[in-house]
N, C-alpha and C. Protein backbone atom coordinates (compact mmCIF):
# COMPACT_ATOMS: atom_id res chain seq x y z
N MET A 1 -8.52 -32.44 22.07
CA MET A 1 -8.96 -31.14 22.53
C MET A 1 -7.78 -30.16 22.60
N LYS A 2 -6.63 -30.64 23.06
CA LYS A 2 -5.46 -29.78 23.15
C LYS A 2 -5.01 -29.34 21.76
N LYS A 3 -5.11 -30.24 20.79
CA LYS A 3 -4.71 -29.89 19.43
C LYS A 3 -5.63 -28.82 18.85
N LEU A 4 -6.91 -28.94 19.14
CA LEU A 4 -7.87 -27.94 18.66
C LEU A 4 -7.59 -26.58 19.28
N ALA A 5 -7.31 -26.55 20.58
CA ALA A 5 -7.00 -25.29 21.25
C ALA A 5 -5.73 -24.68 20.69
N LEU A 6 -4.71 -25.51 20.46
CA LEU A 6 -3.46 -25.02 19.88
C LEU A 6 -3.69 -24.44 18.49
N PHE A 7 -4.47 -25.15 17.68
CA PHE A 7 -4.78 -24.68 16.33
C PHE A 7 -5.51 -23.34 16.36
N LEU A 8 -6.49 -23.19 17.24
CA LEU A 8 -7.23 -21.94 17.34
C LEU A 8 -6.34 -20.78 17.80
N MET A 9 -5.44 -21.04 18.75
CA MET A 9 -4.53 -19.99 19.21
C MET A 9 -3.58 -19.56 18.09
N LEU A 10 -3.06 -20.53 17.34
CA LEU A 10 -2.17 -20.20 16.23
C LEU A 10 -2.90 -19.41 15.14
N ALA A 11 -4.09 -19.84 14.79
CA ALA A 11 -4.87 -19.14 13.76
C ALA A 11 -5.18 -17.72 14.20
N PHE A 12 -5.55 -17.53 15.47
CA PHE A 12 -5.86 -16.21 15.97
C PHE A 12 -4.62 -15.31 15.98
N SER A 13 -3.47 -15.84 16.38
CA SER A 13 -2.26 -15.03 16.43
C SER A 13 -1.80 -14.62 15.04
N PHE A 14 -1.98 -15.47 14.03
CA PHE A 14 -1.61 -15.09 12.67
C PHE A 14 -2.51 -13.98 12.15
N ASN A 15 -3.78 -13.98 12.52
CA ASN A 15 -4.69 -12.94 12.07
C ASN A 15 -4.36 -11.59 12.70
N LEU A 16 -3.80 -11.59 13.92
CA LEU A 16 -3.44 -10.33 14.56
C LEU A 16 -2.32 -9.61 13.81
N PHE A 17 -1.42 -10.36 13.20
CA PHE A 17 -0.27 -9.77 12.54
C PHE A 17 -0.38 -9.83 11.03
N ALA A 18 -1.57 -10.04 10.52
CA ALA A 18 -1.76 -10.16 9.08
C ALA A 18 -1.57 -8.80 8.41
N SER A 19 -1.04 -8.85 7.22
CA SER A 19 -0.91 -7.64 6.42
C SER A 19 -1.11 -8.03 4.96
N GLU A 20 -1.41 -7.05 4.16
CA GLU A 20 -1.59 -7.28 2.73
C GLU A 20 -0.35 -6.80 2.01
N THR A 21 0.20 -7.64 1.14
CA THR A 21 1.39 -7.29 0.38
C THR A 21 1.04 -7.29 -1.10
N TYR A 22 1.37 -6.20 -1.77
CA TYR A 22 1.15 -6.05 -3.20
C TYR A 22 2.50 -5.89 -3.88
N LYS A 23 2.71 -6.57 -4.98
CA LYS A 23 3.93 -6.45 -5.78
C LYS A 23 3.70 -5.36 -6.82
N CYS A 24 4.51 -4.30 -6.77
CA CYS A 24 4.34 -3.14 -7.65
C CYS A 24 5.37 -3.17 -8.78
N ASP A 25 4.90 -2.96 -9.99
CA ASP A 25 5.73 -3.01 -11.18
C ASP A 25 6.17 -1.60 -11.57
N PHE A 26 7.27 -1.12 -10.98
CA PHE A 26 7.82 0.20 -11.29
C PHE A 26 8.71 0.12 -12.53
N PHE A 27 9.15 1.27 -13.04
CA PHE A 27 10.07 1.31 -14.19
C PHE A 27 11.39 0.63 -13.86
N GLY A 28 11.97 1.00 -12.73
CA GLY A 28 13.26 0.45 -12.30
C GLY A 28 13.05 -0.71 -11.36
N PRO A 29 13.65 -0.62 -10.19
CA PRO A 29 13.46 -1.71 -9.23
C PRO A 29 12.01 -1.75 -8.75
N ASN A 30 11.49 -2.96 -8.63
CA ASN A 30 10.12 -3.13 -8.16
C ASN A 30 10.06 -3.01 -6.64
N TYR A 31 8.90 -2.64 -6.14
CA TYR A 31 8.68 -2.45 -4.72
C TYR A 31 7.51 -3.30 -4.26
N ASP A 32 7.47 -3.57 -2.96
CA ASP A 32 6.32 -4.19 -2.32
C ASP A 32 5.57 -3.09 -1.58
N LEU A 33 4.27 -3.02 -1.81
CA LEU A 33 3.39 -2.11 -1.08
C LEU A 33 2.75 -2.94 0.02
N ILE A 34 3.00 -2.59 1.27
CA ILE A 34 2.52 -3.37 2.41
C ILE A 34 1.56 -2.50 3.22
N ILE A 35 0.37 -3.03 3.45
CA ILE A 35 -0.64 -2.36 4.26
C ILE A 35 -0.98 -3.29 5.41
N ASP A 36 -0.69 -2.85 6.64
CA ASP A 36 -0.96 -3.74 7.77
C ASP A 36 -2.37 -3.51 8.31
N GLU A 37 -2.73 -4.30 9.30
CA GLU A 37 -4.09 -4.27 9.85
C GLU A 37 -4.44 -2.91 10.47
N GLU A 38 -3.45 -2.18 10.93
CA GLU A 38 -3.69 -0.87 11.56
C GLU A 38 -3.74 0.25 10.53
N GLY A 39 -3.57 -0.08 9.24
CA GLY A 39 -3.62 0.93 8.19
C GLY A 39 -2.28 1.56 7.88
N ASN A 40 -1.20 1.11 8.51
CA ASN A 40 0.13 1.62 8.20
C ASN A 40 0.54 1.13 6.82
N ILE A 41 1.15 2.02 6.04
CA ILE A 41 1.53 1.70 4.67
C ILE A 41 3.04 1.88 4.52
N SER A 42 3.67 0.92 3.85
CA SER A 42 5.09 1.07 3.53
C SER A 42 5.32 0.60 2.10
N LEU A 43 6.32 1.17 1.48
CA LEU A 43 6.74 0.83 0.12
C LEU A 43 8.21 0.47 0.23
N GLN A 44 8.56 -0.79 -0.09
CA GLN A 44 9.93 -1.21 0.16
C GLN A 44 10.41 -2.25 -0.84
N ASN A 45 11.73 -2.32 -0.96
CA ASN A 45 12.39 -3.39 -1.69
C ASN A 45 13.61 -3.79 -0.86
N ASN A 46 14.56 -4.49 -1.46
CA ASN A 46 15.72 -4.97 -0.69
C ASN A 46 16.62 -3.85 -0.18
N SER A 47 16.63 -2.71 -0.86
CA SER A 47 17.58 -1.67 -0.50
C SER A 47 17.00 -0.44 0.21
N ILE A 48 15.70 -0.21 0.10
CA ILE A 48 15.13 1.01 0.69
C ILE A 48 13.71 0.74 1.17
N LYS A 49 13.33 1.45 2.23
CA LYS A 49 11.97 1.34 2.77
C LYS A 49 11.41 2.73 2.98
N TYR A 50 10.25 3.00 2.38
CA TYR A 50 9.53 4.25 2.56
C TYR A 50 8.36 4.02 3.50
N GLU A 51 8.21 4.88 4.49
CA GLU A 51 7.03 4.88 5.34
C GLU A 51 6.04 5.87 4.72
N CYS A 52 4.80 5.44 4.55
CA CYS A 52 3.82 6.25 3.82
C CYS A 52 2.65 6.64 4.72
N SER A 53 2.06 7.78 4.39
CA SER A 53 0.84 8.21 5.05
C SER A 53 -0.19 8.52 3.98
N LYS A 54 -1.42 8.17 4.28
CA LYS A 54 -2.51 8.38 3.33
C LYS A 54 -3.25 9.67 3.70
N TYR A 55 -3.60 10.44 2.68
CA TYR A 55 -4.38 11.66 2.91
C TYR A 55 -5.28 11.90 1.69
N PHE A 56 -6.15 12.86 1.80
CA PHE A 56 -7.10 13.16 0.74
C PHE A 56 -6.87 14.57 0.22
N GLU A 57 -7.03 14.70 -1.09
CA GLU A 57 -6.83 15.98 -1.77
C GLU A 57 -8.05 16.23 -2.64
N PRO A 58 -8.65 17.42 -2.57
CA PRO A 58 -9.83 17.68 -3.40
C PRO A 58 -9.46 17.78 -4.88
N PHE A 59 -10.31 17.20 -5.71
CA PHE A 59 -10.13 17.34 -7.15
C PHE A 59 -10.56 18.75 -7.52
N PRO A 60 -9.71 19.50 -8.22
CA PRO A 60 -10.00 20.91 -8.51
C PRO A 60 -11.37 21.14 -9.16
N GLY A 61 -12.12 22.06 -8.60
CA GLY A 61 -13.41 22.44 -9.15
C GLY A 61 -14.55 21.50 -8.81
N THR A 62 -14.31 20.49 -7.96
CA THR A 62 -15.36 19.55 -7.59
C THR A 62 -15.33 19.32 -6.09
N GLU A 63 -16.27 18.51 -5.63
CA GLU A 63 -16.30 18.13 -4.23
C GLU A 63 -15.75 16.71 -4.04
N VAL A 64 -15.15 16.16 -5.07
CA VAL A 64 -14.60 14.81 -5.03
C VAL A 64 -13.21 14.84 -4.39
N ASP A 65 -12.97 13.94 -3.46
CA ASP A 65 -11.65 13.82 -2.83
C ASP A 65 -10.88 12.68 -3.47
N LEU A 66 -9.61 12.94 -3.78
CA LEU A 66 -8.72 11.92 -4.33
C LEU A 66 -7.81 11.43 -3.21
N THR A 67 -7.56 10.14 -3.19
CA THR A 67 -6.68 9.56 -2.18
C THR A 67 -5.24 9.63 -2.67
N LYS A 68 -4.35 10.11 -1.81
CA LYS A 68 -2.93 10.18 -2.13
C LYS A 68 -2.15 9.53 -0.99
N ILE A 69 -0.96 9.04 -1.34
CA ILE A 69 -0.04 8.59 -0.31
C ILE A 69 1.26 9.37 -0.46
N ASN A 70 1.82 9.75 0.67
CA ASN A 70 3.08 10.47 0.73
C ASN A 70 4.07 9.54 1.41
N CYS A 71 5.11 9.14 0.70
CA CYS A 71 6.09 8.18 1.21
C CYS A 71 7.42 8.88 1.44
N LYS A 72 8.04 8.61 2.61
CA LYS A 72 9.31 9.25 2.96
C LYS A 72 10.31 8.20 3.43
N SER A 73 11.56 8.42 3.03
CA SER A 73 12.68 7.64 3.53
C SER A 73 13.87 8.60 3.62
N GLY A 74 14.18 9.04 4.82
CA GLY A 74 15.23 10.04 4.98
C GLY A 74 14.82 11.33 4.28
N SER A 75 15.63 11.79 3.34
CA SER A 75 15.31 13.02 2.61
C SER A 75 14.55 12.75 1.31
N LYS A 76 14.35 11.48 0.96
CA LYS A 76 13.63 11.14 -0.27
C LYS A 76 12.13 11.11 -0.03
N LYS A 77 11.38 11.68 -0.99
CA LYS A 77 9.93 11.71 -0.89
C LYS A 77 9.31 11.23 -2.20
N LEU A 78 8.23 10.48 -2.09
CA LEU A 78 7.44 10.05 -3.24
C LEU A 78 5.97 10.33 -2.94
N ASP A 79 5.24 10.84 -3.94
CA ASP A 79 3.80 11.06 -3.82
C ASP A 79 3.11 10.32 -4.94
N PHE A 80 2.01 9.64 -4.58
CA PHE A 80 1.23 8.91 -5.57
C PHE A 80 -0.26 9.09 -5.32
N TYR A 81 -1.03 9.12 -6.41
CA TYR A 81 -2.47 8.96 -6.29
C TYR A 81 -2.70 7.47 -6.08
N PHE A 82 -3.62 7.13 -5.20
CA PHE A 82 -3.81 5.76 -4.73
C PHE A 82 -5.24 5.33 -5.07
N THR A 83 -5.39 4.26 -5.85
CA THR A 83 -6.71 3.78 -6.23
C THR A 83 -6.81 2.28 -5.97
N GLN A 84 -7.79 1.88 -5.16
CA GLN A 84 -8.06 0.45 -4.95
C GLN A 84 -8.90 0.00 -6.15
N TYR A 85 -8.23 -0.57 -7.15
CA TYR A 85 -8.86 -0.94 -8.42
C TYR A 85 -9.76 -2.15 -8.26
N SER A 86 -9.30 -3.15 -7.54
CA SER A 86 -10.09 -4.34 -7.24
C SER A 86 -9.59 -4.92 -5.92
N GLU A 87 -10.13 -6.03 -5.52
CA GLU A 87 -9.72 -6.66 -4.27
C GLU A 87 -8.25 -7.07 -4.32
N ASN A 88 -7.75 -7.36 -5.52
CA ASN A 88 -6.39 -7.86 -5.67
C ASN A 88 -5.44 -6.89 -6.36
N GLU A 89 -5.88 -5.66 -6.63
CA GLU A 89 -5.01 -4.73 -7.35
C GLU A 89 -5.20 -3.30 -6.86
N ILE A 90 -4.06 -2.62 -6.69
CA ILE A 90 -4.02 -1.20 -6.36
C ILE A 90 -3.24 -0.51 -7.47
N ILE A 91 -3.71 0.66 -7.88
CA ILE A 91 -3.05 1.45 -8.92
C ILE A 91 -2.44 2.69 -8.27
N LEU A 92 -1.16 2.91 -8.53
CA LEU A 92 -0.47 4.12 -8.09
C LEU A 92 -0.18 4.98 -9.31
N SER A 93 -0.42 6.28 -9.23
CA SER A 93 -0.16 7.20 -10.34
C SER A 93 0.57 8.42 -9.81
N LYS A 94 1.56 8.89 -10.57
CA LYS A 94 2.29 10.10 -10.20
C LYS A 94 1.45 11.35 -10.44
N ASN A 95 0.75 11.40 -11.57
CA ASN A 95 -0.07 12.55 -11.96
C ASN A 95 -1.43 12.06 -12.42
N LEU A 96 -2.36 12.98 -12.52
CA LEU A 96 -3.68 12.61 -13.01
C LEU A 96 -3.71 12.46 -14.52
N VAL A 97 -2.88 13.24 -15.21
CA VAL A 97 -2.88 13.24 -16.67
C VAL A 97 -1.49 12.84 -17.16
N LEU A 98 -1.44 12.08 -18.24
CA LEU A 98 -0.18 11.67 -18.88
C LEU A 98 0.79 11.01 -17.90
N SER A 99 0.28 10.06 -17.16
CA SER A 99 1.09 9.35 -16.19
C SER A 99 0.97 7.85 -16.44
N ARG A 100 2.09 7.15 -16.36
CA ARG A 100 2.05 5.70 -16.47
C ARG A 100 1.61 5.15 -15.13
N ASP A 101 0.51 4.40 -15.13
CA ASP A 101 0.02 3.82 -13.89
C ASP A 101 0.94 2.69 -13.46
N ILE A 102 1.12 2.57 -12.17
CA ILE A 102 1.92 1.50 -11.59
C ILE A 102 0.94 0.50 -10.97
N SER A 103 0.94 -0.71 -11.49
CA SER A 103 0.03 -1.74 -11.03
C SER A 103 0.66 -2.51 -9.87
N CYS A 104 -0.08 -2.64 -8.79
CA CYS A 104 0.36 -3.39 -7.61
C CYS A 104 -0.64 -4.52 -7.38
N LYS A 105 -0.17 -5.75 -7.50
CA LYS A 105 -1.07 -6.91 -7.38
C LYS A 105 -0.66 -7.79 -6.22
N LYS A 106 -1.68 -8.38 -5.59
CA LYS A 106 -1.44 -9.30 -4.47
C LYS A 106 -0.71 -10.50 -4.94
């Protein structure tokens, strides 16, 4: 009984601190896109960490909203269009047209 209780407490505590990590294939150094349970987003590698915020931008001439993330680290800023492509993949794009998509996979 004690082992079962210990197992349940450990399983519950791991779920409280769970986060999703995606490996992003950038041109230069690759980054990890981390989304925690509270919806906080960060983009980081061994040398730099960007804190990101998600917001919505209307697509010109329509009522469709596009999801964007704005990432900041000190004076550096990055903006990406954010698309949840599948359960295991997120696509980041710099622009809507003529942009190389950055694939982020679990």
